[in-house]
């Protein structure tokens, strides 16, 4: 589904965020990328939908080279990739349902979206997405009246409304407390299992990755330092990724 072929990224000023990263993610996998802040996690994730342009290498999604896509082709590709952000990126004064319908913007004519005239089928998709994250009862509530966890579940529903082939979640639980983090991670895991959507999640905390991921990718200073199943993660893995051995305060939340 997704291939990174020798991907590097150097930002203006000389900061090298990625260094010759190569890996393949299979269709339907649930992958968690872990590492310290500045390790290159967000840069790698955002290269999938070209929110970041690699300096070198190729990113291939579903057989198409993303790095070469332009115009209509790039818009079509992005419509197949749902994105979930740390800060939710909701229109806070709009209803939950209208926020979820934003996931359909790439599938309806511009004049319809400007007028807020979405087909009945799109409304049904949006409501189904809210049901899947168990907040359909909040459909007509303003987004700013929800808790942080509920707002992130709206963001997940918005991504689902796109009917994507891939979901990217960039630090989706960084601003949430541990119990709510588990709720959001369970939602993402369940959606992956039930719908088979290829899912890539960035996290700081390896304990959450071990609980929910099938596969963990570790980045350190822009380089790939671990790629394997969650049950292979041990103290040596932790040291390779974080530069130190496991301590109790390195873990967050424990069992859900």
Protein backbone atom coordinates (compact mmCIF):
# COMPACT_ATOMS: atom_id res chain seq x y z
CA UNK A 1 0.00 0.00 0.00
CA UNK A 2 2.74 2.50 0.99
CA UNK A 3 6.43 2.44 0.12
CA UNK A 4 9.12 4.83 1.30
CA UNK A 5 12.12 4.50 -0.98
CA UNK A 6 15.24 6.22 0.30
CA UNK A 7 13.24 9.19 1.61
CA UNK A 8 15.18 12.14 2.98
CA UNK A 9 14.01 15.60 3.99
CA UNK A 10 16.15 18.64 4.72
CA UNK A 11 14.35 21.81 5.78
CA UNK A 12 15.55 25.34 5.06
CA UNK A 13 18.36 26.11 7.46
CA UNK A 14 19.87 22.66 7.07
CA UNK A 15 17.83 20.64 9.55
CA UNK A 16 17.71 17.07 8.25
CA UNK A 17 14.43 15.55 9.43
CA UNK A 18 14.68 12.24 7.53
CA UNK A 19 17.78 10.37 6.40
CA UNK A 20 17.37 7.77 3.65
CA UNK A 21 14.33 6.00 5.14
CA UNK A 22 13.10 2.93 3.28
CA UNK A 23 10.19 0.74 4.39
CA UNK A 24 6.98 -0.83 3.12
CA UNK A 25 3.56 -0.78 4.82
CA UNK A 26 1.13 -3.44 3.66
CA UNK A 27 -2.55 -2.86 2.95
CA UNK A 28 -4.63 -3.11 6.11
CA UNK A 29 -1.73 -2.83 8.56
CA UNK A 30 -1.98 -0.91 11.83
CA UNK A 31 1.43 0.71 12.30
CA UNK A 32 2.63 3.01 15.06
CA UNK A 33 5.68 5.25 14.58
CA UNK A 34 7.43 6.16 17.83
CA UNK A 35 10.29 8.44 18.73
CA UNK A 36 11.24 11.62 20.54
CA UNK A 37 10.10 15.05 19.41
CA UNK A 38 12.16 15.97 16.37
CA UNK A 39 12.80 12.33 15.43
CA UNK A 40 11.07 12.80 12.06
CA UNK A 41 7.75 11.10 12.81
CA UNK A 42 5.49 13.89 11.55
CA UNK A 43 7.70 14.54 8.54
CA UNK A 44 7.50 10.87 7.51
CA UNK A 45 3.76 10.71 8.06
CA UNK A 46 3.03 13.93 6.18
CA UNK A 47 5.08 12.84 3.19
CA UNK A 48 2.36 10.25 2.48
CA UNK A 49 -0.15 12.94 1.43
CA UNK A 50 2.48 15.49 0.40
CA UNK A 51 1.89 17.92 3.22
CA UNK A 52 5.68 17.64 3.28
CA UNK A 53 7.73 17.32 0.10
CA UNK A 54 10.71 14.96 0.44
CA UNK A 55 14.07 16.36 -0.59
CA UNK A 56 15.08 13.00 -2.04
CA UNK A 57 13.56 9.58 -2.57
CA UNK A 58 10.07 8.41 -3.48
CA UNK A 59 6.81 7.82 -1.62
CA UNK A 60 4.50 5.41 -3.44
CA UNK A 61 0.86 5.06 -2.31
CA UNK A 62 -1.32 2.37 -3.87
CA UNK A 63 1.03 2.15 -6.85
CA UNK A 64 1.26 5.92 -7.47
CA UNK A 65 4.35 8.00 -6.87
CA UNK A 66 3.12 10.77 -4.57
CA UNK A 67 6.25 12.82 -5.11
CA UNK A 68 5.35 13.28 -8.80
CA UNK A 69 1.63 14.00 -8.31
CA UNK A 70 0.36 17.45 -9.23
CA UNK A 71 -2.97 19.24 -9.52
CA UNK A 72 -5.97 16.98 -9.96
CA UNK A 73 -3.96 13.81 -9.40
CA UNK A 74 -2.66 15.10 -6.06
CA UNK A 75 -6.15 16.18 -4.98
CA UNK A 76 -7.52 12.75 -5.90
CA UNK A 77 -4.79 11.05 -3.90
CA UNK A 78 -5.39 13.25 -0.86
CA UNK A 79 -9.09 12.40 -0.98
CA UNK A 80 -8.09 8.78 -0.33
CA UNK A 81 -5.97 9.68 2.71
CA UNK A 82 -7.76 10.69 5.90
CA UNK A 83 -5.75 12.89 8.28
CA UNK A 84 -6.19 13.21 12.04
CA UNK A 85 -4.27 15.97 13.84
CA UNK A 86 -3.14 16.51 17.42
CA UNK A 87 -5.19 19.70 17.80
CA UNK A 88 -8.32 18.24 16.12
CA UNK A 89 -8.58 20.96 13.41
CA UNK A 90 -12.33 21.35 13.84
CA UNK A 91 -14.47 24.40 13.07
CA UNK A 92 -15.34 24.95 16.69
CA UNK A 93 -18.46 27.09 16.12
CA UNK A 94 -19.97 24.58 13.66
CA UNK A 95 -21.97 21.51 14.54
CA UNK A 96 -20.36 18.11 14.87
CA UNK A 97 -22.24 16.90 11.79
CA UNK A 98 -21.03 19.81 9.65
CA UNK A 99 -17.46 19.13 10.77
CA UNK A 100 -17.76 15.48 9.73
CA UNK A 101 -19.27 16.49 6.39
CA UNK A 102 -16.04 18.38 5.71
CA UNK A 103 -14.65 14.94 4.96
CA UNK A 104 -16.87 14.87 1.87
CA UNK A 105 -15.58 18.15 0.39
CA UNK A 106 -13.37 16.34 -2.08
CA UNK A 107 -16.35 14.37 -3.38
CA UNK A 108 -18.94 17.12 -4.04
CA UNK A 109 -18.97 20.13 -6.40
CA UNK A 110 -17.59 23.33 -4.89
CA UNK A 111 -20.92 25.19 -5.18
CA UNK A 112 -22.66 22.50 -3.12
CA UNK A 113 -20.06 22.66 -0.37
CA UNK A 114 -20.22 26.48 -0.25
CA UNK A 115 -23.99 26.35 0.18
CA UNK A 116 -23.83 23.43 2.59
CA UNK A 117 -25.96 21.29 0.28
CA UNK A 118 -24.71 17.78 0.72
CA UNK A 119 -26.47 14.80 -0.89
CA UNK A 120 -28.52 12.56 1.37
CA UNK A 121 -25.97 9.79 0.85
CA UNK A 122 -23.24 12.02 2.30
CA UNK A 123 -25.37 12.87 5.32
CA UNK A 124 -25.89 9.15 5.89
CA UNK A 125 -22.14 8.51 5.60
CA UNK A 126 -21.42 11.23 8.15
CA UNK A 127 -23.95 9.85 10.63
CA UNK A 128 -22.60 6.33 10.19
CA UNK A 129 -19.10 7.61 10.89
CA UNK A 130 -20.31 9.24 14.11
CA UNK A 131 -22.02 6.01 15.12
CA UNK A 132 -18.78 4.12 14.58
CA UNK A 133 -17.02 6.34 17.13
CA UNK A 134 -20.10 6.27 19.39
CA UNK A 135 -21.00 9.97 19.43
CA UNK A 136 -23.93 10.07 16.99
CA UNK A 137 -25.97 11.70 19.77
CA UNK A 138 -23.70 14.77 19.50
CA UNK A 139 -24.37 15.33 15.76
CA UNK A 140 -26.13 18.68 16.22
CA UNK A 141 -24.03 19.95 19.12
CA UNK A 142 -21.42 22.65 18.48
CA UNK A 143 -17.90 21.24 18.37
CA UNK A 144 -16.64 23.66 21.03
CA UNK A 145 -19.10 22.20 23.54
CA UNK A 146 -17.39 18.79 23.46
CA UNK A 147 -14.53 17.47 25.57
CA UNK A 148 -11.11 17.03 24.02
CA UNK A 149 -11.62 13.29 23.62
CA UNK A 150 -14.99 13.80 21.96
CA UNK A 151 -13.51 16.39 19.59
CA UNK A 152 -10.81 13.93 18.54
CA UNK A 153 -13.49 11.31 17.86
CA UNK A 154 -15.25 13.86 15.64
CA UNK A 155 -11.95 14.25 13.78
CA UNK A 156 -11.78 10.46 13.35
CA UNK A 157 -15.36 10.45 12.03
CA UNK A 158 -14.45 13.23 9.59
CA UNK A 159 -11.59 11.12 8.26
CA UNK A 160 -13.90 8.11 7.95
CA UNK A 161 -16.43 10.16 5.98
CA UNK A 162 -13.82 10.45 3.23
CA UNK A 163 -14.03 6.67 2.78
CA UNK A 164 -10.23 6.62 2.71
CA UNK A 165 -7.83 3.83 1.87
CA UNK A 166 -5.34 5.20 4.40
CA UNK A 167 -5.72 6.97 7.75
CA UNK A 168 -2.84 9.04 9.11
CA UNK A 169 -2.99 10.10 12.76
CA UNK A 170 -0.34 12.62 13.81
CA UNK A 171 0.03 12.51 17.62
CA UNK A 172 -3.76 12.04 18.06
CA UNK A 173 -3.57 11.58 21.85
CA UNK A 174 -0.81 14.07 22.76
CA UNK A 175 -3.27 16.56 24.27
CA UNK A 176 -5.48 13.96 26.00
CA UNK A 177 -5.33 12.36 29.44
CA UNK A 178 -4.33 8.67 29.67
CA UNK A 179 -7.85 7.15 29.97
CA UNK A 180 -9.12 9.20 27.01
CA UNK A 181 -5.99 8.31 25.04
CA UNK A 182 -6.93 4.65 25.36
CA UNK A 183 -10.47 5.37 24.12
CA UNK A 184 -9.14 7.11 21.01
CA UNK A 185 -6.54 4.40 20.34
CA UNK A 186 -9.19 1.69 20.71
CA UNK A 187 -11.37 3.53 18.20
CA UNK A 188 -8.52 3.65 15.69
CA UNK A 189 -7.65 0.01 16.29
CA UNK A 190 -11.26 -1.13 15.92
CA UNK A 191 -11.76 0.86 12.72
CA UNK A 192 -8.63 -0.72 11.28
CA UNK A 193 -9.80 -4.21 12.19
CA UNK A 194 -13.40 -3.80 11.04
CA UNK A 195 -12.82 -1.81 7.85
CA UNK A 196 -9.30 -2.89 6.91
CA UNK A 197 -8.12 0.69 6.42
CA UNK A 198 -4.33 1.00 6.42
CA UNK A 199 -3.59 3.07 9.54
CA UNK A 200 -0.40 4.85 10.58
CA UNK A 201 -0.25 6.57 13.97
CA UNK A 202 2.53 8.75 15.40
CA UNK A 203 3.06 8.49 19.17
CA UNK A 204 5.64 9.60 21.71
CA UNK A 205 4.85 6.77 24.10
CA UNK A 206 5.94 3.23 23.39
CA UNK A 207 3.58 1.65 25.94
CA UNK A 208 0.55 2.75 23.90
CA UNK A 209 2.25 1.49 20.75
CA UNK A 210 2.83 -1.93 22.35
CA UNK A 211 -0.81 -2.17 23.41
CA UNK A 212 -2.41 -1.26 20.10
CA UNK A 213 0.00 -1.67 17.19
CA UNK A 214 0.61 -4.77 15.14
CA UNK A 215 3.90 -3.26 14.03
CA UNK A 216 6.12 -0.57 15.53
CA UNK A 217 8.52 1.65 13.62
CA UNK A 218 11.13 3.54 15.64
CA UNK A 219 12.79 6.73 14.42
CA UNK A 220 15.72 8.51 16.00
CA UNK A 221 17.19 11.73 14.59
CA UNK A 222 15.56 11.04 11.23
CA UNK A 223 16.84 7.48 10.88
CA UNK A 224 14.99 4.17 11.00
CA UNK A 225 16.28 2.32 14.08
CA UNK A 226 13.55 -0.29 14.63
CA UNK A 227 10.91 -2.01 12.49
CA UNK A 228 9.15 -5.03 13.92
CA UNK A 229 6.18 -6.50 15.73
CA UNK A 230 5.12 -5.09 19.10
CA UNK A 231 6.13 -8.27 20.95
CA UNK A 232 9.76 -7.77 19.84
CA UNK A 233 10.07 -4.46 21.71
CA UNK A 234 12.40 -4.74 24.71
CA UNK A 235 14.78 -2.56 26.68
CA UNK A 236 17.36 -2.63 23.88
CA UNK A 237 14.71 -1.40 21.44
CA UNK A 238 13.76 1.40 23.82
CA UNK A 239 17.41 2.42 24.12
CA UNK A 240 17.85 2.44 20.33
CA UNK A 241 14.81 4.70 19.88
CA UNK A 242 15.06 6.99 22.90
CA UNK A 243 18.74 6.84 23.78
CA UNK A 244 18.12 5.52 27.30
CA UNK A 245 16.80 2.42 29.04
CA UNK A 246 13.20 2.05 30.19
CA UNK A 247 12.19 3.85 33.38
CA UNK A 248 8.75 3.88 34.97
CA UNK A 249 8.24 7.55 34.13
CA UNK A 250 8.90 6.82 30.44
CA UNK A 251 5.64 4.92 30.27
CA UNK A 252 2.20 6.45 30.15
CA UNK A 253 -1.16 5.02 31.09
CA UNK A 254 -0.38 1.30 31.40
CA UNK A 255 -3.18 -1.13 30.70
CA UNK A 256 -6.48 0.38 29.49
